[in-house]
Amino acid sequence: MTNLLKSILLSVFIFNVSASEIPVEKMWEIKKDAFVNAIIKIESNGNEKVSNNGCVGVLQIRACMVKEVNQILSKRHIDKRYTLEDRKNKEKSIEMFWIFQKEHSDTTSFSNMARKWNGGPYGYKSKRTLSYWNKVNKIFGRLLDENVKSYTKI
């Protein structure tokens, strides 16, 4: 059995056993938090100031992504705009991440969301983004398990 399959089965088992106690709305927040933190771990290991080939911050956001997010906000008639400096702020980076996802994903497929973050709006179709998803999924499963266990201990 491959490590990926083991990871998925373990996540499903943990989710079914522990998560049944968690309200649906809260579970969605727990999943979203674990997911974005898995991507942050892959992209920057949580370092807000990291810069690599034009990618900046915890989510390694390029200038063109800031521009795209601002265009999405403009199209939605929302006055808020982001600056290039906002990429160095974890909370603002996460906001931009979810704005992009809501525009380009159905936000129910974590695989598609991760692969689009790595490869752009059509990244979910590219074979090269599959290895990125596998890395994210491994960390996502662990973080989700930790978050569910933390919540059920309350």
C-alpha atoms as a PDB file:
ATOM      1  CA  MET A   1       0.000   0.000   0.000  1.00  0.00           C
ATOM      2  CA  THR A   2       1.481   3.382  -0.968  1.00  0.00           C
ATOM      3  CA  ASN A   3       2.210   6.051   1.636  1.00  0.00           C
ATOM      4  CA  LEU A   4      -0.310   8.367  -0.023  1.00  0.00           C
ATOM      5  CA  LEU A   5      -3.075   5.772   0.212  1.00  0.00           C
ATOM      6  CA  LYS A   6      -2.171   5.065   3.842  1.00  0.00           C
ATOM      7  CA  SER A   7      -2.288   8.788   4.581  1.00  0.00           C
ATOM      8  CA  ILE A   8      -5.695   9.177   2.949  1.00  0.00           C
ATOM      9  CA  LEU A   9      -7.132   6.139   4.733  1.00  0.00           C
ATOM     10  CA  LEU A  10      -5.747   7.328   8.067  1.00  0.00           C
ATOM     11  CA  SER A  11      -7.241  10.790   7.510  1.00  0.00           C
ATOM     12  CA  VAL A  12     -10.631   9.301   6.650  1.00  0.00           C
ATOM     13  CA  PHE A  13     -10.538   7.018   9.682  1.00  0.00           C
ATOM     14  CA  ILE A  14      -9.531   9.839  12.036  1.00  0.00           C
ATOM     15  CA  PHE A  15     -12.129  12.146  10.537  1.00  0.00           C
ATOM     16  CA  ASN A  16     -14.930   9.598  10.929  1.00  0.00           C
ATOM     17  CA  VAL A  17     -14.032   8.650  14.491  1.00  0.00           C
ATOM     18  CA  SER A  18     -13.284  12.051  16.018  1.00  0.00           C
ATOM     19  CA  ALA A  19     -14.963  14.592  13.789  1.00  0.00           C
ATOM     20  CA  SER A  20     -18.486  13.268  14.342  1.00  0.00           C
ATOM     21  CA  GLU A  21     -18.500  15.285  17.555  1.00  0.00           C
ATOM     22  CA  ILE A  22     -17.677  18.534  15.753  1.00  0.00           C
ATOM     23  CA  PRO A  23     -20.391  20.798  14.264  1.00  0.00           C
ATOM     24  CA  VAL A  24     -20.224  20.978  10.458  1.00  0.00           C
ATOM     25  CA  GLU A  25     -19.391  24.712  10.374  1.00  0.00           C
ATOM     26  CA  LYS A  26     -16.559  24.282  12.858  1.00  0.00           C
ATOM     27  CA  MET A  27     -15.212  21.242  10.993  1.00  0.00           C
ATOM     28  CA  TRP A  28     -15.035  23.282   7.789  1.00  0.00           C
ATOM     29  CA  GLU A  29     -13.016  25.966   9.622  1.00  0.00           C
ATOM     30  CA  ILE A  30     -10.708  23.294  11.069  1.00  0.00           C
ATOM     31  CA  LYS A  31     -10.159  21.831   7.584  1.00  0.00           C
ATOM     32  CA  LYS A  32      -9.521  25.238   5.992  1.00  0.00           C
ATOM     33  CA  ASP A  33      -7.039  26.141   8.732  1.00  0.00           C
ATOM     34  CA  ALA A  34      -5.166  22.841   8.415  1.00  0.00           C
ATOM     35  CA  PHE A  35      -5.141  23.131   4.617  1.00  0.00           C
ATOM     36  CA  VAL A  36      -3.756  26.659   4.368  1.00  0.00           C
ATOM     37  CA  ASN A  37      -1.204  25.901   7.082  1.00  0.00           C
ATOM     38  CA  ALA A  38      -0.059  22.834   5.147  1.00  0.00           C
ATOM     39  CA  ILE A  39       0.530  25.028   2.107  1.00  0.00           C
ATOM     40  CA  ILE A  40       2.328  27.598   4.268  1.00  0.00           C
ATOM     41  CA  LYS A  41       4.575  24.830   5.615  1.00  0.00           C
ATOM     42  CA  ILE A  42       5.476  23.756   2.068  1.00  0.00           C
ATOM     43  CA  GLU A  43       5.895  27.267   0.666  1.00  0.00           C
ATOM     44  CA  SER A  44       7.859  29.008   3.429  1.00  0.00           C
ATOM     45  CA  ASN A  45       7.899  26.970   6.629  1.00  0.00           C
ATOM     46  CA  GLY A  46       5.927  29.869   8.121  1.00  0.00           C
ATOM     47  CA  ASN A  47       8.489  32.590   7.402  1.00  0.00           C
ATOM     48  CA  GLU A  48       6.660  35.835   6.544  1.00  0.00           C
ATOM     49  CA  LYS A  49       9.807  37.556   5.269  1.00  0.00           C
ATOM     50  CA  VAL A  50      11.097  34.856   2.908  1.00  0.00           C
ATOM     51  CA  SER A  51      11.602  35.845  -0.716  1.00  0.00           C
ATOM     52  CA  ASN A  52      12.476  33.507  -3.567  1.00  0.00           C
ATOM     53  CA  ASN A  53      12.543  34.395  -7.278  1.00  0.00           C
ATOM     54  CA  GLY A  54       9.896  37.107  -6.914  1.00  0.00           C
ATOM     55  CA  CYS A  55       7.699  35.045  -4.579  1.00  0.00           C
ATOM     56  CA  VAL A  56       7.270  36.635  -1.155  1.00  0.00           C
ATOM     57  CA  GLY A  57       5.879  35.736   2.260  1.00  0.00           C
ATOM     58  CA  VAL A  58       4.351  32.682   3.899  1.00  0.00           C
ATOM     59  CA  LEU A  59       2.422  31.714   0.773  1.00  0.00           C
ATOM     60  CA  GLN A  60       5.137  32.775  -1.697  1.00  0.00           C
ATOM     61  CA  ILE A  61       2.900  35.223  -3.548  1.00  0.00           C
ATOM     62  CA  ARG A  62       4.067  36.758  -6.822  1.00  0.00           C
ATOM     63  CA  ALA A  63       3.316  40.350  -7.835  1.00  0.00           C
ATOM     64  CA  CYS A  64       0.986  39.062 -10.579  1.00  0.00           C
ATOM     65  CA  MET A  65      -1.105  37.288  -7.899  1.00  0.00           C
ATOM     66  CA  VAL A  66      -1.547  40.535  -5.967  1.00  0.00           C
ATOM     67  CA  LYS A  67      -2.657  42.158  -9.216  1.00  0.00           C
ATOM     68  CA  GLU A  68      -5.073  39.313  -9.957  1.00  0.00           C
ATOM     69  CA  VAL A  69      -6.567  39.408  -6.450  1.00  0.00           C
ATOM     70  CA  ASN A  70      -7.086  43.178  -6.774  1.00  0.00           C
ATOM     71  CA  GLN A  71      -8.802  42.636 -10.147  1.00  0.00           C
ATOM     72  CA  ILE A  72     -11.105  40.046  -8.542  1.00  0.00           C
ATOM     73  CA  LEU A  73     -11.970  42.520  -5.781  1.00  0.00           C
ATOM     74  CA  SER A  74     -12.623  45.252  -8.347  1.00  0.00           C
ATOM     75  CA  LYS A  75     -14.868  42.926 -10.379  1.00  0.00           C
ATOM     76  CA  ARG A  76     -16.831  42.175  -7.201  1.00  0.00           C
ATOM     77  CA  HIS A  77     -17.123  45.917  -6.442  1.00  0.00           C
ATOM     78  CA  ILE A  78     -15.142  45.562  -3.218  1.00  0.00           C
ATOM     79  CA  ASP A  79     -13.037  48.620  -2.379  1.00  0.00           C
ATOM     80  CA  LYS A  80     -10.250  46.756  -0.558  1.00  0.00           C
ATOM     81  CA  ARG A  81      -6.889  46.476  -2.376  1.00  0.00           C
ATOM     82  CA  TYR A  82      -3.650  44.709  -1.514  1.00  0.00           C
ATOM     83  CA  THR A  83      -0.105  45.989  -1.947  1.00  0.00           C
ATOM     84  CA  LEU A  84       3.084  44.087  -2.728  1.00  0.00           C
ATOM     85  CA  GLU A  85       4.142  44.701   0.874  1.00  0.00           C
ATOM     86  CA  ASP A  86       1.018  42.827   2.080  1.00  0.00           C
ATOM     87  CA  ARG A  87       2.652  39.594   0.907  1.00  0.00           C
ATOM     88  CA  LYS A  88       4.881  39.833   4.017  1.00  0.00           C
ATOM     89  CA  ASN A  89       1.830  39.760   6.307  1.00  0.00           C
ATOM     90  CA  LYS A  90       0.533  36.269   7.103  1.00  0.00           C
ATOM     91  CA  GLU A  91      -3.107  37.301   7.611  1.00  0.00           C
ATOM     92  CA  LYS A  92      -3.238  39.360   4.415  1.00  0.00           C
ATOM     93  CA  SER A  93      -1.520  36.596   2.469  1.00  0.00           C
ATOM     94  CA  ILE A  94      -4.138  34.114   3.681  1.00  0.00           C
ATOM     95  CA  GLU A  95      -6.906  36.551   2.690  1.00  0.00           C
ATOM     96  CA  MET A  96      -5.435  36.791  -0.813  1.00  0.00           C
ATOM     97  CA  PHE A  97      -5.155  32.997  -0.964  1.00  0.00           C
ATOM     98  CA  TRP A  98      -8.872  32.538  -0.219  1.00  0.00           C
ATOM     99  CA  ILE A  99      -9.922  35.310  -2.619  1.00  0.00           C
ATOM    100  CA  PHE A 100      -8.009  33.512  -5.391  1.00  0.00           C
ATOM    101  CA  GLN A 101      -9.503  30.145  -4.382  1.00  0.00           C
ATOM    102  CA  LYS A 102     -13.075  31.431  -4.285  1.00  0.00           C
ATOM    103  CA  GLU A 103     -12.612  32.832  -7.777  1.00  0.00           C
ATOM    104  CA  HIS A 104     -10.916  29.808  -9.344  1.00  0.00           C
ATOM    105  CA  SER A 105     -12.014  26.773  -7.310  1.00  0.00           C
ATOM    106  CA  ASP A 106     -15.189  25.259  -5.981  1.00  0.00           C
ATOM    107  CA  THR A 107     -13.391  25.293  -2.581  1.00  0.00           C
ATOM    108  CA  THR A 108     -14.502  21.753  -1.810  1.00  0.00           C
ATOM    109  CA  SER A 109     -11.623  19.936  -3.496  1.00  0.00           C
ATOM    110  CA  PHE A 110      -8.475  20.461  -1.484  1.00  0.00           C
ATOM    111  CA  SER A 111      -6.504  18.691  -4.200  1.00  0.00           C
ATOM    112  CA  ASN A 112      -7.686  21.102  -6.889  1.00  0.00           C
ATOM    113  CA  MET A 113      -7.122  24.125  -4.659  1.00  0.00           C
ATOM    114  CA  ALA A 114      -3.539  23.109  -3.851  1.00  0.00           C
ATOM    115  CA  ARG A 115      -2.738  22.279  -7.447  1.00  0.00           C
ATOM    116  CA  LYS A 116      -4.218  25.599  -8.658  1.00  0.00           C
ATOM    117  CA  TRP A 117      -2.168  27.479  -6.062  1.00  0.00           C
ATOM    118  CA  ASN A 118       0.953  25.751  -7.370  1.00  0.00           C
ATOM    119  CA  GLY A 119       0.163  25.858 -11.082  1.00  0.00           C
ATOM    120  CA  GLY A 120      -2.385  28.624 -11.648  1.00  0.00           C
ATOM    121  CA  PRO A 121      -6.091  28.401 -12.503  1.00  0.00           C
ATOM    122  CA  TYR A 122      -5.567  25.311 -14.684  1.00  0.00           C
ATOM    123  CA  GLY A 123      -2.885  23.750 -12.479  1.00  0.00           C
ATOM    124  CA  TYR A 124      -5.230  21.016 -11.328  1.00  0.00           C
ATOM    125  CA  LYS A 125      -4.957  19.540 -14.829  1.00  0.00           C
ATOM    126  CA  SER A 126      -1.159  19.467 -14.874  1.00  0.00           C
ATOM    127  CA  LYS A 127       0.777  16.341 -13.937  1.00  0.00           C
ATOM    128  CA  ARG A 128       3.579  18.500 -12.530  1.00  0.00           C
ATOM    129  CA  THR A 129       1.328  19.800  -9.722  1.00  0.00           C
ATOM    130  CA  LEU A 130       0.480  16.300  -8.507  1.00  0.00           C
ATOM    131  CA  SER A 131       3.720  15.972  -6.526  1.00  0.00           C
ATOM    132  CA  TYR A 132       2.982  19.338  -4.888  1.00  0.00           C
ATOM    133  CA  TRP A 133      -0.468  18.087  -3.865  1.00  0.00           C
ATOM    134  CA  ASN A 134       1.056  14.895  -2.456  1.00  0.00           C
ATOM    135  CA  LYS A 135       3.388  16.952  -0.240  1.00  0.00           C
ATOM    136  CA  VAL A 136       0.561  19.262   0.869  1.00  0.00           C
ATOM    137  CA  ASN A 137      -1.772  16.329   1.526  1.00  0.00           C
ATOM    138  CA  LYS A 138       0.724  14.580   3.777  1.00  0.00           C
ATOM    139  CA  ILE A 139       1.083  17.665   5.987  1.00  0.00           C
ATOM    140  CA  PHE A 140      -2.635  18.481   5.685  1.00  0.00           C
ATOM    141  CA  GLY A 141      -3.582  15.056   7.070  1.00  0.00           C
ATOM    142  CA  ARG A 142      -1.270  15.477  10.051  1.00  0.00           C
ATOM    143  CA  LEU A 143      -2.440  19.026  10.809  1.00  0.00           C
ATOM    144  CA  LEU A 144      -6.091  18.052  10.403  1.00  0.00           C
ATOM    145  CA  ASP A 145      -5.613  15.205  12.847  1.00  0.00           C
ATOM    146  CA  GLU A 146      -3.936  17.572  15.355  1.00  0.00           C
ATOM    147  CA  ASN A 147      -6.672  20.202  14.964  1.00  0.00           C
ATOM    148  CA  VAL A 148      -9.489  17.659  15.380  1.00  0.00           C
ATOM    149  CA  LYS A 149      -7.842  16.169  18.459  1.00  0.00           C
ATOM    150  CA  SER A 150      -7.345  19.659  19.945  1.00  0.00           C
ATOM    151  CA  TYR A 151     -10.977  20.555  19.347  1.00  0.00           C
ATOM    152  CA  THR A 152     -12.404  17.325  20.749  1.00  0.00           C
ATOM    153  CA  LYS A 153     -10.372  17.791  23.962  1.00  0.00           C
ATOM    154  CA  ILE A 154     -12.156  21.084  24.702  1.00  0.00           C
END
